[in-house]
Amino acid sequence: MVRIYALIDPRNRLPFYVGSTNRLLSKRLAGHLCYTSINIPSSSLAEQTSRERLLLVNEILNEGMRPIIKTLFVTNEVMASKC
């Protein structure tokens, strides 16, 4: 089972990231929170997007909040490999 989920900024209730996982959402959110201290160079578009997401998560955490994680839909389809 694969969950498509959104990370939502609790300050304005707007989604800022959509991802997929076969793990529990609580564990996936913990994974996003773990990586907030990693310095990612911004040489490619994917790396810039990751860096922007991490900066936004850090901003939210610094304000004493946590991103909201919400299931958008669930599928039994096999996840495609990431490009």
Protein backbone atom coordinates (compact mmCIF):
# COMPACT_ATOMS: atom_id res chain seq x y z
CA MET A 1 0.00 0.00 0.00
CA VAL A 2 1.38 3.40 -1.01
CA ARG A 3 0.23 6.65 0.54
CA ILE A 4 0.44 9.91 -1.36
CA TYR A 5 0.73 12.67 1.21
CA ALA A 6 1.15 16.41 1.57
CA LEU A 7 3.23 18.35 4.05
CA ILE A 8 1.22 21.39 5.10
CA ASP A 9 2.48 24.61 6.63
CA PRO A 10 0.50 25.03 9.88
CA ARG A 11 0.88 28.82 9.70
CA ASN A 12 -1.17 29.25 6.54
CA ARG A 13 -2.57 25.73 6.01
CA LEU A 14 -1.03 25.53 2.51
CA PRO A 15 0.70 22.40 1.21
CA PHE A 16 4.37 22.86 0.38
CA TYR A 17 5.38 19.31 -0.54
CA VAL A 18 3.71 16.21 -1.97
CA GLY A 19 5.37 12.84 -1.58
CA SER A 20 4.72 9.11 -1.49
CA THR A 21 5.56 6.46 1.08
CA ASN A 22 4.77 2.90 2.02
CA ARG A 23 5.58 3.67 5.67
CA LEU A 24 3.32 5.03 8.39
CA LEU A 25 2.82 8.77 7.99
CA SER A 26 4.13 9.42 11.50
CA LYS A 27 7.40 7.70 10.58
CA ARG A 28 7.62 9.56 7.27
CA LEU A 29 7.09 12.90 9.03
CA ALA A 30 9.81 11.96 11.52
CA GLY A 31 12.08 11.33 8.53
CA HIS A 32 11.38 14.81 7.17
CA LEU A 33 12.10 16.31 10.59
CA CYS A 34 15.38 14.35 10.94
CA TYR A 35 16.87 15.84 7.81
CA THR A 36 16.37 19.50 8.71
CA SER A 37 19.99 19.93 9.79
CA ILE A 38 21.58 18.53 6.63
CA ASN A 39 23.23 21.07 4.35
CA ILE A 40 22.29 20.29 0.76
CA PRO A 41 24.19 22.09 -2.01
CA SER A 42 21.84 23.72 -4.50
CA SER A 43 23.41 22.77 -7.82
CA SER A 44 20.44 20.98 -9.42
CA LEU A 45 16.73 21.73 -9.45
CA ALA A 46 15.99 18.65 -7.30
CA GLU A 47 18.61 19.71 -4.77
CA GLN A 48 17.24 23.29 -4.73
CA THR A 49 13.73 21.94 -4.13
CA SER A 50 14.98 19.72 -1.29
CA ARG A 51 16.90 22.61 0.23
CA GLU A 52 13.85 24.91 0.05
CA ARG A 53 11.68 22.23 1.70
CA LEU A 54 14.24 21.76 4.49
CA LEU A 55 14.48 25.53 5.05
CA LEU A 56 10.69 25.78 5.28
CA VAL A 57 10.51 22.87 7.75
CA ASN A 58 13.21 24.59 9.83
CA GLU A 59 11.25 27.86 9.82
CA ILE A 60 8.14 26.03 11.03
CA LEU A 61 10.09 24.22 13.77
CA ASN A 62 11.77 27.47 14.87
CA GLU A 63 8.32 28.96 15.42
CA GLY A 64 7.48 26.11 17.79
CA MET A 65 5.22 24.25 15.36
CA ARG A 66 5.45 21.11 13.24
CA PRO A 67 4.41 20.54 9.65
CA ILE A 68 1.09 18.79 9.24
CA ILE A 69 1.16 15.56 7.22
CA LYS A 70 -2.06 14.57 5.47
CA THR A 71 -2.95 11.58 3.31
CA LEU A 72 -4.16 12.64 -0.12
CA PHE A 73 -4.90 9.12 -1.33
CA VAL A 74 -3.87 5.50 -0.93
CA THR A 75 -3.12 3.06 -3.73
CA ASN A 76 -2.02 -0.53 -4.12
CA GLU A 77 0.08 0.39 -7.15
CA VAL A 78 3.80 -0.21 -6.95
CA MET A 79 5.74 3.02 -6.51
CA ALA A 80 7.67 4.09 -9.57
CA SER A 81 11.36 4.65 -9.05
CA LYS A 82 12.37 8.25 -8.46
CA CYS A 83 14.14 9.99 -11.30
